[in-house]
């Protein structure tokens, strides 16, 4: 993540919840860890 840019608080909280729910989201084989991590990385760079 760019060190000079801070994520808006709501986006940071949403990404933290996504990280916490990764196990639940991957349980049904709908999302993979790779997909979730790539999404988090993408949104963290914005």
PDB file of N, CA and C in Angstrom:
ATOM      1  N   UNK A   1       0.849  -1.174   0.000  1.00  0.00           N
ATOM      2  CA  UNK A   1       0.000   0.000   0.000  1.00  0.00           C
ATOM      3  C   UNK A   1       0.891   1.233   0.000  1.00  0.00           C
ATOM      4  N   UNK A   2       0.465   2.257  -0.688  1.00  0.00           N
ATOM      5  CA  UNK A   2       1.186   3.505  -0.748  1.00  0.00           C
ATOM      6  C   UNK A   2       1.275   4.101   0.657  1.00  0.00           C
ATOM      7  N   UNK A   3       2.469   4.395   1.124  1.00  0.00           N
ATOM      8  CA  UNK A   3       2.658   4.885   2.484  1.00  0.00           C
ATOM      9  C   UNK A   3       2.088   6.282   2.683  1.00  0.00           C
ATOM     10  N   UNK A   4       1.900   7.021   1.606  1.00  0.00           N
ATOM     11  CA  UNK A   4       1.398   8.386   1.705  1.00  0.00           C
ATOM     12  C   UNK A   4      -0.119   8.463   1.610  1.00  0.00           C
ATOM     13  N   UNK A   5      -0.760   7.354   1.467  1.00  0.00           N
ATOM     14  CA  UNK A   5      -2.214   7.336   1.320  1.00  0.00           C
ATOM     15  C   UNK A   5      -2.813   6.457   2.393  1.00  0.00           C
ATOM     16  N   UNK A   6      -3.801   6.953   3.081  1.00  0.00           N
ATOM     17  CA  UNK A   6      -4.477   6.170   4.104  1.00  0.00           C
ATOM     18  C   UNK A   6      -5.872   5.821   3.602  1.00  0.00           C
ATOM     19  N   UNK A   7      -6.241   4.560   3.747  1.00  0.00           N
ATOM     20  CA  UNK A   7      -7.568   4.124   3.330  1.00  0.00           C
ATOM     21  C   UNK A   7      -8.633   4.830   4.157  1.00  0.00           C
ATOM     22  N   UNK A   8      -9.764   5.132   3.529  1.00  0.00           N
ATOM     23  CA  UNK A   8     -10.877   5.649   4.340  1.00  0.00           C
ATOM     24  C   UNK A   8     -11.227   4.615   5.416  1.00  0.00           C
ATOM     25  N   UNK A   9     -11.633   5.088   6.565  1.00  0.00           N
ATOM     26  CA  UNK A   9     -11.888   4.214   7.708  1.00  0.00           C
ATOM     27  C   UNK A   9     -12.900   3.120   7.381  1.00  0.00           C
ATOM     28  N   UNK A  10     -13.977   3.455   6.651  1.00  0.00           N
ATOM     29  CA  UNK A  10     -14.991   2.447   6.333  1.00  0.00           C
ATOM     30  C   UNK A  10     -14.418   1.344   5.457  1.00  0.00           C
ATOM     31  N   UNK A  11     -13.511   1.696   4.513  1.00  0.00           N
ATOM     32  CA  UNK A  11     -12.922   0.680   3.644  1.00  0.00           C
ATOM     33  C   UNK A  11     -11.954  -0.188   4.432  1.00  0.00           C
ATOM     34  N   UNK A  12     -11.186   0.431   5.307  1.00  0.00           N
ATOM     35  CA  UNK A  12     -10.260  -0.328   6.142  1.00  0.00           C
ATOM     36  C   UNK A  12     -11.011  -1.327   7.018  1.00  0.00           C
ATOM     37  N   UNK A  13     -12.118  -0.891   7.622  1.00  0.00           N
ATOM     38  CA  UNK A  13     -12.921  -1.797   8.452  1.00  0.00           C
ATOM     39  C   UNK A  13     -13.512  -2.920   7.616  1.00  0.00           C
ATOM     40  N   UNK A  14     -14.008  -2.599   6.435  1.00  0.00           N
ATOM     41  CA  UNK A  14     -14.591  -3.621   5.559  1.00  0.00           C
ATOM     42  C   UNK A  14     -13.542  -4.659   5.174  1.00  0.00           C
ATOM     43  N   UNK A  15     -12.344  -4.219   4.840  1.00  0.00           N
ATOM     44  CA  UNK A  15     -11.278  -5.157   4.486  1.00  0.00           C
ATOM     45  C   UNK A  15     -10.870  -6.012   5.673  1.00  0.00           C
ATOM     46  N   UNK A  16     -10.871  -5.426   6.867  1.00  0.00           N
ATOM     47  CA  UNK A  16     -10.550  -6.205   8.071  1.00  0.00           C
ATOM     48  C   UNK A  16     -11.598  -7.291   8.324  1.00  0.00           C
ATOM     49  N   UNK A  17     -12.866  -6.962   8.111  1.00  0.00           N
ATOM     50  CA  UNK A  17     -13.916  -7.977   8.254  1.00  0.00           C
ATOM     51  C   UNK A  17     -13.761  -9.070   7.206  1.00  0.00           C
ATOM     52  N   UNK A  18     -13.382  -8.683   5.995  1.00  0.00           N
ATOM     53  CA  UNK A  18     -13.177  -9.670   4.929  1.00  0.00           C
ATOM     54  C   UNK A  18     -12.056 -10.629   5.302  1.00  0.00           C
ATOM     55  N   UNK A  19     -10.978 -10.103   5.837  1.00  0.00           N
ATOM     56  CA  UNK A  19      -9.864 -10.945   6.287  1.00  0.00           C
ATOM     57  C   UNK A  19     -10.343 -11.901   7.377  1.00  0.00           C
ATOM     58  N   UNK A  20     -11.116 -11.390   8.316  1.00  0.00           N
ATOM     59  CA  UNK A  20     -11.599 -12.212   9.428  1.00  0.00           C
ATOM     60  C   UNK A  20     -12.563 -13.299   8.958  1.00  0.00           C
ATOM     61  N   UNK A  21     -13.301 -13.052   7.894  1.00  0.00           N
ATOM     62  CA  UNK A  21     -14.298 -14.009   7.403  1.00  0.00           C
ATOM     63  C   UNK A  21     -13.797 -14.888   6.263  1.00  0.00           C
ATOM     64  N   UNK A  22     -12.510 -14.859   6.004  1.00  0.00           N
ATOM     65  CA  UNK A  22     -11.956 -15.627   4.885  1.00  0.00           C
ATOM     66  C   UNK A  22     -12.292 -17.106   4.996  1.00  0.00           C
ATOM     67  N   UNK A  23     -12.166 -17.692   6.168  1.00  0.00           N
ATOM     68  CA  UNK A  23     -12.431 -19.117   6.344  1.00  0.00           C
ATOM     69  C   UNK A  23     -13.878 -19.441   5.985  1.00  0.00           C
ATOM     70  N   UNK A  24     -14.793 -18.608   6.436  1.00  0.00           N
ATOM     71  CA  UNK A  24     -16.212 -18.810   6.137  1.00  0.00           C
ATOM     72  C   UNK A  24     -16.470 -18.679   4.640  1.00  0.00           C
ATOM     73  N   UNK A  25     -15.858 -17.696   4.013  1.00  0.00           N
ATOM     74  CA  UNK A  25     -16.104 -17.439   2.594  1.00  0.00           C
ATOM     75  C   UNK A  25     -15.522 -18.511   1.688  1.00  0.00           C
ATOM     76  N   UNK A  26     -14.452 -19.158   2.138  1.00  0.00           N
ATOM     77  CA  UNK A  26     -13.835 -20.197   1.311  1.00  0.00           C
ATOM     78  C   UNK A  26     -14.446 -21.573   1.569  1.00  0.00           C
ATOM     79  N   UNK A  27     -15.264 -21.687   2.589  1.00  0.00           N
ATOM     80  CA  UNK A  27     -15.830 -22.994   2.963  1.00  0.00           C
ATOM     81  C   UNK A  27     -16.702 -23.586   1.859  1.00  0.00           C
ATOM     82  N   UNK A  28     -17.432 -22.776   1.157  1.00  0.00           N
ATOM     83  CA  UNK A  28     -18.327 -23.272   0.114  1.00  0.00           C
ATOM     84  C   UNK A  28     -17.690 -23.350  -1.258  1.00  0.00           C
ATOM     85  N   UNK A  29     -16.388 -23.142  -1.321  1.00  0.00           N
ATOM     86  CA  UNK A  29     -15.640 -23.158  -2.579  1.00  0.00           C
ATOM     87  C   UNK A  29     -16.155 -22.140  -3.592  1.00  0.00           C
ATOM     88  N   UNK A  30     -16.774 -21.067  -3.094  1.00  0.00           N
ATOM     89  CA  UNK A  30     -17.209 -19.999  -3.990  1.00  0.00           C
ATOM     90  C   UNK A  30     -16.041 -19.050  -4.230  1.00  0.00           C
ATOM     91  N   UNK A  31     -15.323 -18.731  -3.161  1.00  0.00           N
ATOM     92  CA  UNK A  31     -14.154 -17.871  -3.252  1.00  0.00           C
ATOM     93  C   UNK A  31     -12.931 -18.662  -2.822  1.00  0.00           C
ATOM     94  N   UNK A  32     -11.796 -18.345  -3.425  1.00  0.00           N
ATOM     95  CA  UNK A  32     -10.538 -18.970  -3.014  1.00  0.00           C
ATOM     96  C   UNK A  32      -9.753 -17.965  -2.177  1.00  0.00           C
ATOM     97  N   UNK A  33      -8.805 -18.470  -1.407  1.00  0.00           N
ATOM     98  CA  UNK A  33      -7.920 -17.577  -0.646  1.00  0.00           C
ATOM     99  C   UNK A  33      -7.210 -16.623  -1.599  1.00  0.00           C
ATOM    100  N   UNK A  34      -6.802 -17.133  -2.759  1.00  0.00           N
ATOM    101  CA  UNK A  34      -6.103 -16.297  -3.741  1.00  0.00           C
ATOM    102  C   UNK A  34      -6.985 -15.136  -4.184  1.00  0.00           C
ATOM    103  N   UNK A  35      -8.241 -15.416  -4.504  1.00  0.00           N
ATOM    104  CA  UNK A  35      -9.169 -14.378  -4.948  1.00  0.00           C
ATOM    105  C   UNK A  35      -9.364 -13.322  -3.857  1.00  0.00           C
ATOM    106  N   UNK A  36      -9.600 -13.766  -2.641  1.00  0.00           N
ATOM    107  CA  UNK A  36      -9.839 -12.838  -1.530  1.00  0.00           C
ATOM    108  C   UNK A  36      -8.601 -11.991  -1.268  1.00  0.00           C
ATOM    109  N   UNK A  37      -7.436 -12.612  -1.235  1.00  0.00           N
ATOM    110  CA  UNK A  37      -6.201 -11.872  -0.984  1.00  0.00           C
ATOM    111  C   UNK A  37      -5.905 -10.880  -2.105  1.00  0.00           C
ATOM    112  N   UNK A  38      -6.163 -11.278  -3.344  1.00  0.00           N
ATOM    113  CA  UNK A  38      -5.944 -10.380  -4.478  1.00  0.00           C
ATOM    114  C   UNK A  38      -6.885  -9.182  -4.400  1.00  0.00           C
ATOM    115  N   UNK A  39      -8.130  -9.419  -4.017  1.00  0.00           N
ATOM    116  CA  UNK A  39      -9.103  -8.336  -3.878  1.00  0.00           C
ATOM    117  C   UNK A  39      -8.681  -7.360  -2.781  1.00  0.00           C
ATOM    118  N   UNK A  40      -8.255  -7.904  -1.652  1.00  0.00           N
ATOM    119  CA  UNK A  40      -7.804  -7.063  -0.538  1.00  0.00           C
ATOM    120  C   UNK A  40      -6.596  -6.229  -0.967  1.00  0.00           C
ATOM    121  N   UNK A  41      -5.661  -6.859  -1.646  1.00  0.00           N
ATOM    122  CA  UNK A  41      -4.469  -6.141  -2.103  1.00  0.00           C
ATOM    123  C   UNK A  41      -4.854  -5.031  -3.086  1.00  0.00           C
ATOM    124  N   UNK A  42      -5.732  -5.340  -4.012  1.00  0.00           N
ATOM    125  CA  UNK A  42      -6.176  -4.348  -4.985  1.00  0.00           C
ATOM    126  C   UNK A  42      -6.826  -3.152  -4.303  1.00  0.00           C
ATOM    127  N   UNK A  43      -7.746  -3.416  -3.397  1.00  0.00           N
ATOM    128  CA  UNK A  43      -8.438  -2.323  -2.720  1.00  0.00           C
ATOM    129  C   UNK A  43      -7.517  -1.550  -1.790  1.00  0.00           C
ATOM    130  N   UNK A  44      -6.512  -2.203  -1.249  1.00  0.00           N
ATOM    131  CA  UNK A  44      -5.572  -1.534  -0.359  1.00  0.00           C
ATOM    132  C   UNK A  44      -4.651  -0.579  -1.113  1.00  0.00           C
ATOM    133  N   UNK A  45      -4.465  -0.814  -2.405  1.00  0.00           N
ATOM    134  CA  UNK A  45      -3.598   0.031  -3.210  1.00  0.00           C
ATOM    135  C   UNK A  45      -4.327   1.254  -3.755  1.00  0.00           C
ATOM    136  N   UNK A  46      -5.639   1.264  -3.695  1.00  0.00           N
ATOM    137  CA  UNK A  46      -6.406   2.360  -4.280  1.00  0.00           C
ATOM    138  C   UNK A  46      -6.270   3.619  -3.481  1.00  0.00           C
TER     139      UNK A  46
END
